[in-house]
Amino acid sequence: MQDKTYVITEIVGVSDDSISQAVTNAIARANQTLKALDWFEVKEVRGTVVDGKVGQYQVTLDVGFRYLSDEEMRAWVQG
């Protein structure tokens, strides 16, 4: 098995609908920019209150993405 080294970064997902959708939104957006996303961890859940109701869900995530080997980098570039 190949050794792996990860970078961890913190992101916040937002949704008007649910906590789950906030996580999904965050991962989908991060995946547009970061390569080799492998895992996430929910760190914090919060939201806004508007007129006595939930206005928005906000979820803080740590996401881990791998440093790619030279071979993996060539594969990503070649698509």
N, C-alpha and C. Protein backbone atom coordinates (compact mmCIF):
# COMPACT_ATOMS: atom_id res chain seq x y z
N MET A 1 0.85 -1.19 0.00
CA MET A 1 0.00 0.00 0.00
C MET A 1 0.88 1.24 0.00
N GLN A 2 0.52 2.19 -0.78
CA GLN A 2 1.26 3.43 -0.92
C GLN A 2 1.13 4.29 0.34
N ASP A 3 2.27 4.86 0.75
CA ASP A 3 2.22 5.82 1.86
C ASP A 3 1.48 7.05 1.39
N LYS A 4 0.74 7.66 2.30
CA LYS A 4 -0.04 8.84 1.95
C LYS A 4 0.27 9.97 2.91
N THR A 5 0.31 11.18 2.39
CA THR A 5 0.47 12.38 3.20
C THR A 5 -0.68 13.31 2.86
N TYR A 6 -1.30 13.85 3.91
CA TYR A 6 -2.50 14.66 3.73
C TYR A 6 -2.28 16.11 4.13
N VAL A 7 -3.02 16.97 3.47
CA VAL A 7 -3.19 18.36 3.87
C VAL A 7 -4.59 18.44 4.46
N ILE A 8 -4.73 19.14 5.58
CA ILE A 8 -6.04 19.34 6.18
C ILE A 8 -6.38 20.82 6.09
N THR A 9 -7.56 21.09 5.60
CA THR A 9 -8.02 22.47 5.53
C THR A 9 -9.44 22.55 6.06
N GLU A 10 -9.79 23.71 6.58
CA GLU A 10 -11.11 23.91 7.16
C GLU A 10 -11.99 24.69 6.19
N ILE A 11 -13.21 24.20 6.00
CA ILE A 11 -14.17 24.87 5.14
C ILE A 11 -15.51 24.94 5.85
N VAL A 12 -16.39 25.79 5.39
CA VAL A 12 -17.73 25.92 5.96
C VAL A 12 -18.75 25.76 4.85
N GLY A 13 -19.66 24.79 5.03
CA GLY A 13 -20.75 24.59 4.09
C GLY A 13 -22.00 25.25 4.62
N VAL A 14 -22.82 25.74 3.71
CA VAL A 14 -24.03 26.48 4.09
C VAL A 14 -25.21 25.92 3.30
N SER A 15 -26.37 25.86 3.96
CA SER A 15 -27.60 25.43 3.29
C SER A 15 -28.79 26.05 4.00
N ASP A 16 -29.80 26.36 3.24
CA ASP A 16 -31.08 26.81 3.81
C ASP A 16 -31.95 25.61 4.20
N ASP A 17 -31.57 24.39 3.76
CA ASP A 17 -32.43 23.22 3.91
C ASP A 17 -32.07 22.30 5.08
N SER A 18 -30.77 21.95 5.23
CA SER A 18 -30.42 20.96 6.25
C SER A 18 -28.92 20.95 6.52
N ILE A 19 -28.56 20.31 7.64
CA ILE A 19 -27.15 20.11 7.96
C ILE A 19 -26.51 19.22 6.91
N SER A 20 -27.20 18.15 6.55
CA SER A 20 -26.69 17.24 5.54
C SER A 20 -26.41 17.95 4.22
N GLN A 21 -27.32 18.82 3.82
CA GLN A 21 -27.12 19.56 2.57
C GLN A 21 -25.96 20.53 2.68
N ALA A 22 -25.75 21.11 3.85
CA ALA A 22 -24.61 22.00 4.06
C ALA A 22 -23.30 21.24 3.88
N VAL A 23 -23.23 20.01 4.41
CA VAL A 23 -22.04 19.17 4.22
C VAL A 23 -21.86 18.85 2.74
N THR A 24 -22.92 18.43 2.09
CA THR A 24 -22.87 18.09 0.67
C THR A 24 -22.41 19.28 -0.17
N ASN A 25 -22.94 20.46 0.13
CA ASN A 25 -22.54 21.67 -0.60
C ASN A 25 -21.06 21.97 -0.42
N ALA A 26 -20.57 21.83 0.80
CA ALA A 26 -19.16 22.12 1.08
C ALA A 26 -18.24 21.16 0.32
N ILE A 27 -18.55 19.88 0.37
CA ILE A 27 -17.71 18.89 -0.31
C ILE A 27 -17.76 19.08 -1.83
N ALA A 28 -18.93 19.33 -2.36
CA ALA A 28 -19.05 19.53 -3.81
C ALA A 28 -18.24 20.72 -4.27
N ARG A 29 -18.29 21.79 -3.51
CA ARG A 29 -17.54 23.00 -3.90
C ARG A 29 -16.04 22.78 -3.75
N ALA A 30 -15.61 22.16 -2.65
CA ALA A 30 -14.19 21.89 -2.46
C ALA A 30 -13.65 20.99 -3.55
N ASN A 31 -14.45 20.04 -3.99
CA ASN A 31 -14.03 19.11 -5.03
C ASN A 31 -13.80 19.79 -6.37
N GLN A 32 -14.37 20.96 -6.59
CA GLN A 32 -14.15 21.71 -7.83
C GLN A 32 -12.75 22.30 -7.87
N THR A 33 -12.13 22.51 -6.71
CA THR A 33 -10.84 23.17 -6.63
C THR A 33 -9.72 22.25 -6.16
N LEU A 34 -10.01 21.38 -5.20
CA LEU A 34 -9.00 20.53 -4.60
C LEU A 34 -9.03 19.14 -5.24
N LYS A 35 -7.87 18.60 -5.51
CA LYS A 35 -7.76 17.24 -6.06
C LYS A 35 -7.50 16.26 -4.92
N ALA A 36 -7.89 15.04 -5.12
CA ALA A 36 -7.60 13.93 -4.20
C ALA A 36 -8.22 14.12 -2.82
N LEU A 37 -9.45 14.67 -2.78
CA LEU A 37 -10.18 14.72 -1.50
C LEU A 37 -10.45 13.29 -1.07
N ASP A 38 -10.12 12.97 0.17
CA ASP A 38 -10.32 11.61 0.65
C ASP A 38 -11.26 11.49 1.84
N TRP A 39 -11.36 12.52 2.66
CA TRP A 39 -12.19 12.39 3.86
C TRP A 39 -12.60 13.76 4.38
N PHE A 40 -13.58 13.74 5.28
CA PHE A 40 -13.99 14.96 5.98
C PHE A 40 -14.39 14.62 7.40
N GLU A 41 -14.36 15.62 8.26
CA GLU A 41 -14.78 15.50 9.65
C GLU A 41 -15.60 16.73 10.01
N VAL A 42 -16.80 16.53 10.50
CA VAL A 42 -17.63 17.65 10.94
C VAL A 42 -17.08 18.15 12.28
N LYS A 43 -16.73 19.42 12.32
CA LYS A 43 -16.16 20.00 13.53
C LYS A 43 -17.17 20.82 14.32
N GLU A 44 -18.08 21.47 13.63
CA GLU A 44 -19.01 22.38 14.31
C GLU A 44 -20.27 22.54 13.46
N VAL A 45 -21.38 22.63 14.14
CA VAL A 45 -22.65 22.91 13.47
C VAL A 45 -23.25 24.15 14.13
N ARG A 46 -23.67 25.09 13.32
CA ARG A 46 -24.32 26.28 13.82
C ARG A 46 -25.28 26.78 12.75
N GLY A 47 -25.95 27.85 13.03
CA GLY A 47 -26.87 28.40 12.05
C GLY A 47 -27.37 29.76 12.45
N THR A 48 -28.27 30.26 11.66
CA THR A 48 -28.86 31.56 11.94
C THR A 48 -30.33 31.36 12.29
N VAL A 49 -30.84 32.30 13.04
CA VAL A 49 -32.26 32.30 13.40
C VAL A 49 -32.89 33.54 12.78
N VAL A 50 -33.98 33.34 12.05
CA VAL A 50 -34.71 34.42 11.42
C VAL A 50 -36.18 34.30 11.80
N ASP A 51 -36.69 35.31 12.44
CA ASP A 51 -38.10 35.30 12.87
C ASP A 51 -38.47 34.05 13.66
N GLY A 52 -37.56 33.64 14.54
CA GLY A 52 -37.82 32.51 15.41
C GLY A 52 -37.71 31.14 14.76
N LYS A 53 -37.19 31.09 13.53
CA LYS A 53 -37.03 29.83 12.81
C LYS A 53 -35.60 29.71 12.29
N VAL A 54 -35.22 28.49 11.97
CA VAL A 54 -33.89 28.29 11.38
C VAL A 54 -33.84 29.00 10.04
N GLY A 55 -32.87 29.88 9.91
CA GLY A 55 -32.70 30.61 8.65
C GLY A 55 -31.70 29.93 7.73
N GLN A 56 -30.64 29.39 8.35
CA GLN A 56 -29.56 28.82 7.55
C GLN A 56 -28.75 27.87 8.43
N TYR A 57 -28.31 26.77 7.85
CA TYR A 57 -27.43 25.83 8.53
C TYR A 57 -26.00 26.09 8.06
N GLN A 58 -25.06 26.08 9.00
CA GLN A 58 -23.65 26.28 8.68
C GLN A 58 -22.87 25.16 9.36
N VAL A 59 -22.06 24.45 8.58
CA VAL A 59 -21.30 23.31 9.10
C VAL A 59 -19.83 23.52 8.79
N THR A 60 -19.01 23.51 9.84
CA THR A 60 -17.56 23.62 9.68
C THR A 60 -16.99 22.21 9.55
N LEU A 61 -16.19 22.02 8.51
CA LEU A 61 -15.58 20.72 8.22
C LEU A 61 -14.08 20.85 8.11
N ASP A 62 -13.37 19.84 8.58
CA ASP A 62 -11.98 19.64 8.17
C ASP A 62 -12.05 18.67 7.01
N VAL A 63 -11.37 18.98 5.92
CA VAL A 63 -11.29 18.06 4.79
C VAL A 63 -9.83 17.69 4.58
N GLY A 64 -9.61 16.44 4.23
CA GLY A 64 -8.26 15.96 3.97
C GLY A 64 -8.10 15.64 2.50
N PHE A 65 -7.03 16.18 1.93
CA PHE A 65 -6.70 15.81 0.56
C PHE A 65 -5.23 15.44 0.49
N ARG A 66 -4.95 14.49 -0.39
CA ARG A 66 -3.61 13.90 -0.47
C ARG A 66 -2.66 14.73 -1.31
N TYR A 67 -1.39 14.73 -0.85
CA TYR A 67 -0.32 15.12 -1.76
C TYR A 67 -0.19 13.99 -2.76
N LEU A 68 -0.17 14.33 -4.03
CA LEU A 68 -0.13 13.31 -5.08
C LEU A 68 1.31 12.96 -5.44
N SER A 69 1.52 11.68 -5.78
CA SER A 69 2.83 11.25 -6.28
C SER A 69 3.02 11.81 -7.68
N ASP A 70 4.22 11.73 -8.19
CA ASP A 70 4.49 12.19 -9.56
C ASP A 70 3.60 11.46 -10.56
N GLU A 71 3.44 10.16 -10.35
CA GLU A 71 2.60 9.36 -11.25
C GLU A 71 1.13 9.82 -11.19
N GLU A 72 0.63 10.05 -9.98
CA GLU A 72 -0.75 10.52 -9.82
C GLU A 72 -0.93 11.90 -10.45
N MET A 73 0.07 12.76 -10.30
CA MET A 73 -0.01 14.11 -10.89
C MET A 73 -0.10 14.01 -12.42
N ARG A 74 0.70 13.15 -13.01
CA ARG A 74 0.64 12.98 -14.47
C ARG A 74 -0.75 12.50 -14.90
N ALA A 75 -1.31 11.57 -14.13
CA ALA A 75 -2.65 11.06 -14.46
C ALA A 75 -3.69 12.14 -14.37
N TRP A 76 -3.61 13.03 -13.34
CA TRP A 76 -4.58 14.13 -13.19
C TRP A 76 -4.45 15.09 -14.37
N VAL A 77 -3.23 15.41 -14.75
CA VAL A 77 -3.00 16.37 -15.84
C VAL A 77 -3.50 15.82 -17.16
N GLN A 78 -3.26 14.53 -17.39
CA GLN A 78 -3.68 13.90 -18.64
C GLN A 78 -5.19 13.68 -18.69
N GLY A 79 -5.83 13.70 -17.51
CA GLY A 79 -7.28 13.60 -17.42
C GLY A 79 -7.79 12.25 -17.71
